[in-house]
Amino acid sequence: MAALRDQRKIHGARISEVVVDFFLQERSVERALDVVELCFKMSQAGVRHVSKRESDAAVAELNERFKEHGVGYQFESGEIIRVDSQFLHAEAVKPVLEILRDKNFQGANEEFLKAHEHYRHGRHKECLVDALKAFESTMKSICSVRGWPTQPTDAAKILIKTCMDNGLFPAYFDAQFSSMRSLLESGIPTVRNKDAAHGQGVALVSVPEYLARYALNLTATTILFMVEAHQQATK
């Protein structure tokens, strides 16, 4: 027990006190957010016997404080996510995070959260790559659940065709299929392929923030559309 008590102290101070002191003195917003994120992750994991009710209440209060002070972040699905538009977050990002909690979409959920993490830290190329991965993983999961054959190497274009050929969307959408396919094929995959996936040659390729934001929002709305179509078809 003595050894355990010693581990809870750093140079005579409790770890909680050290964390608080670090947080109050830290000038970097990103590092401060990392501390908040870690503390709330520990809370949700039940560390120090925090109940789920207490943890959920703490998360709700944190997000309310973020909104109250105009801080463009929210704690969702165990991660601090940057929020550039409250409308888009409420109507697209948050519903996608909720819908991807399903065990069938674990891979897509992890990649979508990773894309947001990259975006928050300004890693825009990596953001595009993981956004596309989440998009492709969502389609692979739908195909797997519905028994539609795919290959591990199938890219977005092939997966889109598989979903459409198997009637994922209602028949009365036939007239819109060509425009929908064009949107899906020329949206996320093309943005990623042209700006993040290939060699950049002599000149360094810089992916601007607005392009990463567009890719994330497009990914969210497309995933939401496809999963809801899948859920509707199974009813």
Protein backbone atom coordinates (compact mmCIF):
# COMPACT_ATOMS: atom_id res chain seq x y z
CA MET A 1 0.00 0.00 0.00
CA ALA A 2 2.87 2.36 0.77
CA ALA A 3 4.25 1.84 -2.73
CA LEU A 4 0.81 2.55 -4.22
CA ARG A 5 0.51 5.75 -2.22
CA ASP A 6 3.95 6.82 -3.41
CA GLN A 7 2.87 6.31 -7.04
CA ARG A 8 0.06 8.74 -6.50
CA LYS A 9 2.51 11.50 -5.69
CA ILE A 10 5.12 13.36 -7.71
CA HIS A 11 7.77 15.13 -5.65
CA GLY A 12 5.48 15.11 -2.63
CA ALA A 13 2.38 16.44 -4.44
CA ARG A 14 -0.67 14.42 -5.41
CA ILE A 15 -0.99 13.64 -9.12
CA SER A 16 -4.34 15.45 -9.25
CA GLU A 17 -2.67 18.59 -7.88
CA VAL A 18 0.16 18.32 -10.40
CA VAL A 19 -2.34 17.98 -13.26
CA VAL A 20 -4.32 20.99 -12.07
CA ASP A 21 -1.16 23.08 -11.70
CA PHE A 22 -0.01 22.05 -15.19
CA PHE A 23 -3.42 22.89 -16.67
CA LEU A 24 -3.59 26.34 -15.05
CA GLN A 25 -0.07 27.26 -16.14
CA GLU A 26 -0.16 25.77 -19.64
CA ARG A 27 -0.20 28.42 -22.38
CA SER A 28 -0.85 26.04 -25.28
CA VAL A 29 -4.58 25.63 -25.96
CA GLU A 30 -3.99 22.24 -27.57
CA ARG A 31 -2.11 20.89 -24.55
CA ALA A 32 -4.78 22.23 -22.22
CA LEU A 33 -7.44 20.51 -24.29
CA ASP A 34 -5.40 17.30 -24.16
CA VAL A 35 -5.55 17.46 -20.35
CA VAL A 36 -9.33 17.97 -20.42
CA GLU A 37 -9.74 15.13 -22.90
CA LEU A 38 -7.62 12.75 -20.81
CA CYS A 39 -9.50 13.58 -17.60
CA PHE A 40 -12.89 12.99 -19.21
CA LYS A 41 -11.71 9.79 -20.86
CA MET A 42 -10.68 8.52 -17.44
CA SER A 43 -14.04 9.57 -16.05
CA GLN A 44 -15.91 7.65 -18.76
CA ALA A 45 -13.71 4.62 -18.19
CA GLY A 46 -14.87 4.51 -14.59
CA VAL A 47 -11.51 5.45 -13.08
CA ARG A 48 -11.78 6.42 -9.39
CA HIS A 49 -15.24 4.82 -9.33
CA VAL A 50 -17.06 7.60 -11.16
CA SER A 51 -20.57 6.44 -12.05
CA LYS A 52 -21.90 6.67 -15.59
CA ARG A 53 -24.52 9.15 -14.41
CA GLU A 54 -21.88 11.39 -12.88
CA SER A 55 -19.67 11.07 -15.94
CA ASP A 56 -22.52 11.94 -18.35
CA ALA A 57 -23.45 14.93 -16.20
CA ALA A 58 -19.85 16.14 -16.23
CA VAL A 59 -19.65 15.80 -20.03
CA ALA A 60 -22.91 17.70 -20.45
CA GLU A 61 -21.62 20.50 -18.22
CA LEU A 62 -18.28 20.61 -20.07
CA ASN A 63 -20.00 20.94 -23.45
CA GLU A 64 -22.32 23.59 -22.08
CA ARG A 65 -19.33 25.55 -20.77
CA PHE A 66 -17.65 25.24 -24.18
CA LYS A 67 -20.78 26.73 -25.82
CA GLU A 68 -21.22 29.39 -23.12
CA HIS A 69 -17.71 30.75 -23.66
CA GLY A 70 -17.74 30.41 -27.44
CA VAL A 71 -15.08 27.70 -27.44
CA GLY A 72 -15.35 25.78 -30.69
CA TYR A 73 -15.00 22.30 -29.23
CA GLN A 74 -17.25 19.53 -27.92
CA PHE A 75 -16.51 16.27 -26.11
CA GLU A 76 -18.14 13.48 -28.14
CA SER A 77 -17.54 9.71 -28.17
CA GLY A 78 -14.52 9.98 -25.91
CA GLU A 79 -12.76 12.67 -27.97
CA ILE A 80 -12.61 16.45 -28.01
CA ILE A 81 -13.84 17.42 -31.47
CA ARG A 82 -13.43 20.79 -33.11
CA VAL A 83 -16.75 22.44 -33.99
CA ASP A 84 -16.67 25.04 -36.77
CA SER A 85 -20.43 25.12 -37.29
CA GLN A 86 -22.94 24.34 -34.55
CA PHE A 87 -25.56 23.53 -37.20
CA LEU A 88 -23.36 21.04 -39.06
CA HIS A 89 -22.21 19.51 -35.79
CA ALA A 90 -25.79 19.06 -34.57
CA GLU A 91 -27.24 17.87 -37.88
CA ALA A 92 -24.40 15.77 -39.30
CA VAL A 93 -21.35 15.12 -37.11
CA LYS A 94 -23.13 14.26 -33.85
CA PRO A 95 -25.71 11.94 -35.50
CA VAL A 96 -22.88 10.14 -37.35
CA LEU A 97 -20.93 9.64 -34.12
CA GLU A 98 -24.06 8.17 -32.53
CA ILE A 99 -24.88 5.94 -35.49
CA LEU A 100 -21.29 4.64 -35.76
CA ARG A 101 -21.34 3.41 -32.16
CA ASP A 102 -23.04 0.30 -33.51
CA LYS A 103 -20.65 -2.66 -33.23
CA ASN A 104 -20.91 -3.23 -37.00
CA PHE A 105 -19.27 0.14 -37.67
CA GLN A 106 -16.39 0.07 -35.17
CA GLY A 107 -13.73 0.48 -37.86
CA ALA A 108 -15.49 3.42 -39.48
CA ASN A 109 -16.07 5.01 -36.08
CA GLU A 110 -12.39 4.79 -35.16
CA GLU A 111 -11.32 6.27 -38.50
CA PHE A 112 -13.89 9.07 -38.39
CA LEU A 113 -12.74 10.06 -34.89
CA LYS A 114 -9.13 9.87 -36.03
CA ALA A 115 -9.93 12.21 -38.94
CA HIS A 116 -11.36 14.71 -36.45
CA GLU A 117 -8.29 14.37 -34.26
CA HIS A 118 -6.03 15.13 -37.24
CA TYR A 119 -8.21 18.12 -38.15
CA ARG A 120 -8.07 19.50 -34.61
CA HIS A 121 -4.27 19.30 -34.59
CA GLY A 122 -3.90 20.81 -38.08
CA ARG A 123 -2.81 17.57 -39.78
CA HIS A 124 -4.95 18.20 -42.84
CA LYS A 125 -3.48 15.56 -45.17
CA GLU A 126 -3.97 12.86 -42.57
CA CYS A 127 -7.48 14.17 -42.00
CA LEU A 128 -8.38 13.58 -45.66
CA VAL A 129 -6.90 10.08 -45.63
CA ASP A 130 -8.85 8.97 -42.54
CA ALA A 131 -12.04 10.63 -43.77
CA LEU A 132 -11.91 8.47 -46.88
CA LYS A 133 -11.09 5.38 -44.81
CA ALA A 134 -14.18 6.01 -42.67
CA PHE A 135 -16.31 6.43 -45.79
CA GLU A 136 -15.01 3.20 -47.33
CA SER A 137 -15.24 1.27 -44.04
CA THR A 138 -18.89 2.30 -43.68
CA MET A 139 -19.72 0.83 -47.08
CA LYS A 140 -17.72 -2.32 -46.38
CA SER A 141 -19.61 -2.78 -43.10
CA ILE A 142 -22.97 -2.35 -44.84
CA CYS A 143 -21.97 -4.84 -47.52
CA SER A 144 -20.77 -7.31 -44.89
CA VAL A 145 -23.98 -7.07 -42.84
CA ARG A 146 -26.12 -7.52 -45.95
CA GLY A 147 -23.99 -10.33 -47.39
CA TRP A 148 -22.86 -8.46 -50.49
CA PRO A 149 -19.45 -9.76 -51.62
CA THR A 150 -16.52 -7.33 -51.58
CA GLN A 151 -12.76 -7.59 -51.69
CA PRO A 152 -10.42 -6.15 -49.01
CA THR A 153 -8.79 -4.02 -51.69
CA ASP A 154 -12.06 -2.55 -53.03
CA ALA A 155 -11.81 1.23 -53.24
CA ALA A 156 -14.60 3.79 -52.91
CA LYS A 157 -15.72 3.65 -56.54
CA ILE A 158 -16.20 -0.13 -56.50
CA LEU A 159 -17.93 -0.06 -53.11
CA ILE A 160 -20.33 2.66 -54.26
CA LYS A 161 -21.22 0.56 -57.30
CA THR A 162 -21.75 -2.54 -55.15
CA CYS A 163 -24.14 -0.66 -52.85
CA MET A 164 -26.08 0.77 -55.75
CA ASP A 165 -26.19 -2.47 -57.75
CA ASN A 166 -27.68 -4.22 -54.72
CA GLY A 167 -30.41 -1.65 -54.26
CA LEU A 168 -29.23 0.06 -51.11
CA PHE A 169 -31.23 3.09 -52.13
CA PRO A 170 -35.00 3.00 -52.84
CA ALA A 171 -36.05 2.33 -56.42
CA TYR A 172 -37.72 5.73 -56.77
CA PHE A 173 -34.25 7.28 -56.51
CA ASP A 174 -33.36 5.85 -59.94
CA ALA A 175 -33.53 9.29 -61.56
CA GLN A 176 -31.04 10.67 -59.04
CA PHE A 177 -28.60 7.74 -59.12
CA SER A 178 -26.31 9.25 -61.72
CA SER A 179 -25.99 12.56 -59.87
CA MET A 180 -25.63 10.80 -56.50
CA ARG A 181 -22.89 8.53 -57.84
CA SER A 182 -21.15 11.53 -59.36
CA LEU A 183 -21.29 13.33 -56.02
CA LEU A 184 -19.95 10.38 -54.07
CA GLU A 185 -17.26 9.46 -56.58
CA SER A 186 -16.05 13.00 -57.22
CA GLY A 187 -16.37 14.18 -53.65
CA ILE A 188 -14.40 12.55 -50.86
CA PRO A 189 -12.33 10.08 -52.95
CA THR A 190 -11.20 12.68 -55.50
CA VAL A 191 -10.36 15.29 -52.86
CA ARG A 192 -8.24 12.74 -51.02
CA ASN A 193 -6.67 11.19 -54.12
CA LYS A 194 -5.57 14.50 -55.59
CA ASP A 195 -4.32 16.14 -52.43
CA ALA A 196 -3.17 13.51 -49.96
CA ALA A 197 -2.70 10.04 -51.37
CA HIS A 198 -0.04 10.42 -54.05
CA GLY A 199 3.57 11.56 -54.22
CA GLN A 200 3.96 15.31 -54.01
CA GLY A 201 7.06 15.59 -56.18
CA VAL A 202 9.46 18.49 -55.71
CA ALA A 203 6.94 21.04 -54.42
CA LEU A 204 5.43 20.32 -51.02
CA VAL A 205 1.65 19.94 -51.20
CA SER A 206 -0.21 21.86 -48.52
CA VAL A 207 -3.82 20.90 -47.83
CA PRO A 208 -5.66 24.04 -46.67
CA GLU A 209 -7.85 23.93 -43.59
CA TYR A 210 -11.04 24.76 -45.49
CA LEU A 211 -10.52 21.74 -47.75
CA ALA A 212 -10.06 19.42 -44.76
CA ARG A 213 -13.19 20.89 -43.17
CA TYR A 214 -15.16 20.36 -46.37
CA ALA A 215 -13.99 16.74 -46.59
CA LEU A 216 -14.99 16.07 -42.98
CA ASN A 217 -18.45 17.59 -43.43
CA LEU A 218 -18.96 15.76 -46.72
CA THR A 219 -17.88 12.51 -45.08
CA ALA A 220 -20.31 13.01 -42.19
CA THR A 221 -23.35 13.76 -44.35
CA THR A 222 -22.57 10.93 -46.80
CA ILE A 223 -22.03 8.33 -44.06
CA LEU A 224 -25.26 9.44 -42.38
CA PHE A 225 -27.16 9.15 -45.66
CA MET A 226 -25.82 5.67 -46.42
CA VAL A 227 -26.31 4.21 -42.95
CA GLU A 228 -29.84 5.58 -42.69
CA ALA A 229 -30.62 4.09 -46.12
CA HIS A 230 -29.23 0.78 -44.88
CA GLN A 231 -31.31 0.93 -41.69
CA GLN A 232 -34.45 1.85 -43.58
CA ALA A 233 -33.96 -1.06 -45.99
CA THR A 234 -33.75 -3.54 -43.10
CA LYS A 235 -37.07 -2.48 -41.57
